Protein backbone atom coordinates (compact mmCIF):
# COMPACT_ATOMS: atom_id res chain seq x y z
CA UNK A 1 11.38 29.26 7.39
CA UNK A 2 9.20 32.00 8.87
CA UNK A 3 6.95 31.88 5.81
CA UNK A 4 6.49 28.13 6.23
CA UNK A 5 5.63 28.41 9.94
CA UNK A 6 3.22 31.26 9.20
CA UNK A 7 1.52 29.31 6.41
CA UNK A 8 1.10 26.18 8.57
CA UNK A 9 -0.22 28.24 11.49
CA UNK A 10 -2.75 30.08 9.33
CA UNK A 11 -3.86 27.05 7.34
CA UNK A 12 -3.61 24.07 9.71
CA UNK A 13 -7.37 23.26 9.50
CA UNK A 14 -7.06 22.94 5.71
CA UNK A 15 -3.83 20.93 6.00
CA UNK A 16 -5.51 18.59 8.51
CA UNK A 17 -8.55 18.16 6.24
CA UNK A 18 -6.35 17.34 3.23
CA UNK A 19 -4.28 14.93 5.34
CA UNK A 20 -7.44 13.06 6.36
CA UNK A 21 -8.53 12.91 2.70
CA UNK A 22 -5.11 11.54 1.78
CA UNK A 23 -5.17 8.91 4.53
CA UNK A 24 -8.71 7.86 3.64
CA UNK A 25 -7.81 7.35 -0.01
CA UNK A 26 -4.67 5.32 0.74
CA UNK A 27 -6.14 3.29 3.60
CA UNK A 28 -9.23 2.19 1.63
CA UNK A 29 -7.18 1.33 -1.46
CA UNK A 30 -4.33 -0.52 0.28
CA UNK A 31 -6.77 -2.17 2.70
CA UNK A 32 -8.69 -3.65 -0.24
CA UNK A 33 -5.38 -4.68 -1.82
CA UNK A 34 -4.40 -6.58 1.34
CA UNK A 35 -7.69 -8.51 1.35
CA UNK A 36 -7.16 -9.51 -2.29
CA UNK A 37 -3.37 -9.68 -2.55
CA UNK A 38 -2.65 -11.95 0.42
CA UNK A 39 -5.09 -14.71 -0.68
CA UNK A 40 -3.79 -14.45 -4.27
CA UNK A 41 -0.21 -14.73 -3.00
CA UNK A 42 -1.13 -17.84 -1.01
CA UNK A 43 -3.09 -19.38 -3.89
CA UNK A 44 -0.33 -19.07 -6.47
CA UNK A 45 2.15 -20.97 -4.27
CA UNK A 46 0.33 -24.11 -5.46
CA UNK A 47 1.05 -23.46 -9.16
CA UNK A 48 4.42 -22.08 -10.33
CA UNK A 49 3.21 -21.26 -13.87
CA UNK A 50 0.21 -19.37 -12.50
CA UNK A 51 2.52 -17.54 -10.08
CA UNK A 52 4.76 -16.40 -12.93
CA UNK A 53 1.78 -15.06 -14.89
CA UNK A 54 0.21 -13.27 -11.93
CA UNK A 55 3.50 -11.69 -10.84
CA UNK A 56 4.25 -10.66 -14.43
CA UNK A 57 0.89 -8.89 -14.77
CA UNK A 58 1.33 -7.16 -11.40
CA UNK A 59 4.85 -6.11 -12.44
CA UNK A 60 3.55 -4.60 -15.68
CA UNK A 61 0.84 -2.68 -13.84
CA UNK A 62 3.29 -1.08 -11.42
CA UNK A 63 5.44 0.16 -14.32
CA UNK A 64 2.58 2.27 -15.74
CA UNK A 65 3.20 5.94 -14.85
CA UNK A 66 0.75 7.17 -12.23
CA UNK A 67 -0.54 10.05 -14.38
CA UNK A 68 -1.25 7.60 -17.21
CA UNK A 69 -2.94 5.16 -14.84
CA UNK A 70 -5.22 7.84 -13.43
CA UNK A 71 -5.94 8.97 -16.97
CA UNK A 72 -6.89 5.43 -18.02
CA UNK A 73 -9.37 5.18 -15.14
CA UNK A 74 -11.32 8.27 -16.26
CA UNK A 75 -12.93 6.93 -19.49
CA UNK A 76 -13.49 3.48 -17.98
CA UNK A 77 -15.27 4.76 -14.85
CA UNK A 78 -17.06 7.51 -16.77
CA UNK A 79 -19.32 4.74 -18.06
CA UNK A 80 -20.72 4.46 -14.52
CA UNK A 81 -20.50 8.20 -13.75
CA UNK A 82 -17.41 7.79 -11.56
CA UNK A 83 -14.74 9.14 -13.91
CA UNK A 84 -13.50 11.91 -11.62
CA UNK A 85 -12.73 11.97 -7.90
CA UNK A 86 -12.20 9.25 -5.33
CA UNK A 87 -12.95 6.07 -7.27
CA UNK A 88 -10.50 6.28 -10.19
CA UNK A 89 -7.74 7.24 -7.74
CA UNK A 90 -8.66 4.43 -5.32
CA UNK A 91 -8.72 1.79 -8.05
CA UNK A 92 -5.37 2.95 -9.45
CA UNK A 93 -3.74 2.84 -6.00
CA UNK A 94 -5.35 -0.56 -5.38
CA UNK A 95 -3.71 -1.87 -8.57
CA UNK A 96 -0.33 -0.36 -7.67
CA UNK A 97 -0.47 -2.10 -4.27
CA UNK A 98 -0.87 -5.58 -5.69
CA UNK A 99 2.74 -6.39 -6.64
CA UNK A 100 4.50 -5.84 -3.28
CA UNK A 101 1.71 -7.60 -1.36
CA UNK A 102 1.29 -10.57 -3.70
CA UNK A 103 5.05 -11.01 -4.26
CA UNK A 104 5.94 -10.86 -0.57
CA UNK A 105 3.12 -13.22 0.40
CA UNK A 106 4.13 -15.69 -2.32
CA UNK A 107 7.81 -15.50 -1.33
CA UNK A 108 7.08 -15.84 2.39
CA UNK A 109 4.84 -18.90 2.03
CA UNK A 110 7.08 -20.51 -0.59
CA UNK A 111 10.22 -20.17 1.55
CA UNK A 112 8.84 -21.84 4.67
CA UNK A 113 10.98 -24.81 5.67
CA UNK A 114 9.36 -27.98 4.22
CA UNK A 115 10.28 -29.78 7.46
CA UNK A 116 7.83 -27.54 9.32
CA UNK A 117 5.06 -28.51 6.91
CA UNK A 118 5.87 -32.17 7.37
CA UNK A 119 5.86 -31.75 11.16
CA UNK A 120 2.43 -30.10 10.95
CA UNK A 121 1.16 -32.97 8.78
CA UNK A 122 2.58 -35.43 11.28
CA UNK A 123 0.55 -33.74 14.02
CA UNK A 124 -2.60 -34.44 12.00
CA UNK A 125 -3.25 -30.87 10.88
CA UNK A 126 -5.46 -30.30 7.84
CA UNK A 127 -4.29 -28.05 4.99
CA UNK A 128 -6.31 -25.15 6.42
CA UNK A 129 -4.98 -25.68 9.95
CA UNK A 130 -1.42 -25.86 8.63
CA UNK A 131 -1.92 -22.65 6.68
CA UNK A 132 -3.60 -20.69 9.48
CA UNK A 133 -1.55 -21.96 12.44
CA UNK A 134 1.90 -22.49 10.91
CA UNK A 135 2.47 -20.95 7.50
CA UNK A 136 0.71 -17.57 7.82
CA UNK A 137 2.17 -16.77 11.27
CA UNK A 138 5.67 -17.56 9.97
CA UNK A 139 5.04 -15.45 6.86
CA UNK A 140 3.84 -12.36 8.76
CA UNK A 141 7.16 -10.41 8.79
CA UNK A 142 7.68 -10.71 5.03
CA UNK A 143 4.01 -10.07 4.21
CA UNK A 144 3.96 -6.98 6.43
CA UNK A 145 7.11 -5.73 4.73
CA UNK A 146 5.19 -5.84 1.46
CA UNK A 147 2.26 -4.00 3.01
CA UNK A 148 4.58 -1.32 4.38
CA UNK A 149 6.14 -0.92 0.96
CA UNK A 150 2.70 -0.55 -0.65
CA UNK A 151 1.56 2.02 1.92
CA UNK A 152 4.66 4.21 1.71
CA UNK A 153 4.78 4.05 -2.08
CA UNK A 154 1.12 4.92 -2.51
CA UNK A 155 1.15 7.79 -0.03
CA UNK A 156 3.48 9.39 -2.59
CA UNK A 157 1.44 8.22 -5.61
CA UNK A 158 -1.78 9.60 -4.08
CA UNK A 159 -0.44 13.15 -4.43
CA UNK A 160 -0.99 12.84 -8.20
CA UNK A 161 -4.67 12.04 -7.58
CA UNK A 162 -5.36 15.76 -7.16
CA UNK A 163 -5.31 16.05 -10.96
CA UNK A 164 -8.44 13.91 -11.21
CA UNK A 165 -10.24 15.63 -8.35
CA UNK A 166 -9.45 13.20 -5.53
CA UNK A 167 -8.06 15.88 -3.17
CA UNK A 168 -5.48 15.05 -0.54
CA UNK A 169 -2.13 16.66 0.18
CA UNK A 170 -1.38 16.84 -3.52
CA UNK A 171 -3.69 19.89 -3.51
CA UNK A 172 -1.10 21.94 -1.64
CA UNK A 173 1.73 20.74 -3.90
CA UNK A 174 -0.31 21.50 -7.01
CA UNK A 175 -1.11 25.00 -5.76
CA UNK A 176 2.57 25.51 -5.05
CA UNK A 177 3.54 24.46 -8.59
CA UNK A 178 0.83 26.37 -10.47
CA UNK A 179 1.27 29.50 -8.35
CA UNK A 180 5.09 29.25 -8.20
CA UNK A 181 4.70 29.35 -4.42
CA UNK A 182 7.71 27.61 -2.87
CA UNK A 183 6.20 27.79 0.63
CA UNK A 184 3.16 25.70 -0.37
CA UNK A 185 5.37 23.33 -2.32
CA UNK A 186 7.66 22.71 0.67
CA UNK A 187 4.76 22.36 3.13
CA UNK A 188 3.00 19.85 0.87
CA UNK A 189 6.15 17.82 0.24
CA UNK A 190 7.13 17.74 3.92
CA UNK A 191 3.58 16.78 4.95
CA UNK A 192 3.56 13.83 2.52
CA UNK A 193 7.03 12.72 3.67
CA UNK A 194 6.07 12.89 7.36
CA UNK A 195 2.87 10.97 6.66
CA UNK A 196 4.85 8.23 4.90
CA UNK A 197 7.40 8.00 7.73
CA UNK A 198 4.71 7.84 10.43
CA UNK A 199 2.72 5.23 8.50
CA UNK A 200 5.82 3.09 7.97
CA UNK A 201 6.67 3.26 11.68
CA UNK A 202 3.11 2.34 12.73
CA UNK A 203 3.05 -0.63 10.37
CA UNK A 204 6.45 -1.70 11.71
CA UNK A 205 4.95 -1.73 15.21
CA UNK A 206 1.98 -3.73 13.90
CA UNK A 207 4.40 -6.15 12.25
CA UNK A 208 6.16 -6.71 15.57
CA UNK A 209 2.84 -7.26 17.33
CA UNK A 210 1.62 -9.80 14.75
CA UNK A 211 4.92 -11.69 14.50
CA UNK A 212 4.94 -14.80 16.73
CA UNK A 213 7.00 -14.16 19.85
CA UNK A 214 9.50 -16.96 19.25
CA UNK A 215 10.08 -15.88 15.65
CA UNK A 216 10.56 -12.22 16.60
CA UNK A 217 13.19 -13.23 19.15
CA UNK A 218 15.08 -15.26 16.56
CA UNK A 219 15.03 -12.49 13.92
CA UNK A 220 15.84 -9.63 16.32
């Protein structure tokens, strides 16, 4: 324990820098996945066959081992001189984020009570008004659960990105493994775990803020 405290004390600027790198990689990747995944999840509610195909492809992608996925990005992005570093890692994490976000959005929109849609139609709402004022607000808790899942999962996945030069907290873990240094290994693992827990808690707070007041009272 003393070794761990001493290491953190002596290296906190480096740990902070790597934490920021890690957060930047995950936030950019998952943020882009939210902007693409939520509209896709909404779109496929209109076509069951399309939904099955999209969800199947997203399911296949998430089963690809992270090391293999990062490896696949290298030759593809090398064609535009981006084979190593941030971009292959960001694209891989973006792809991994699609399934939980698309699936939860699709499920949330699809499971809204048809009577609510009919009531909205009866009030003269257009399709867009019904979607933005009724369906999306009701879907927020389930959609945010998918986002939280994507964030927590990819904070862990991003540690592998060190092997393609993307930095982050995986650097400390890698140094611990290659140098058989248990102190670095523990510090890196604990840092990633704490980051995931904090991120999950913050997104839970955001979920509560975005959930309509009446709905949050019913589900609490």
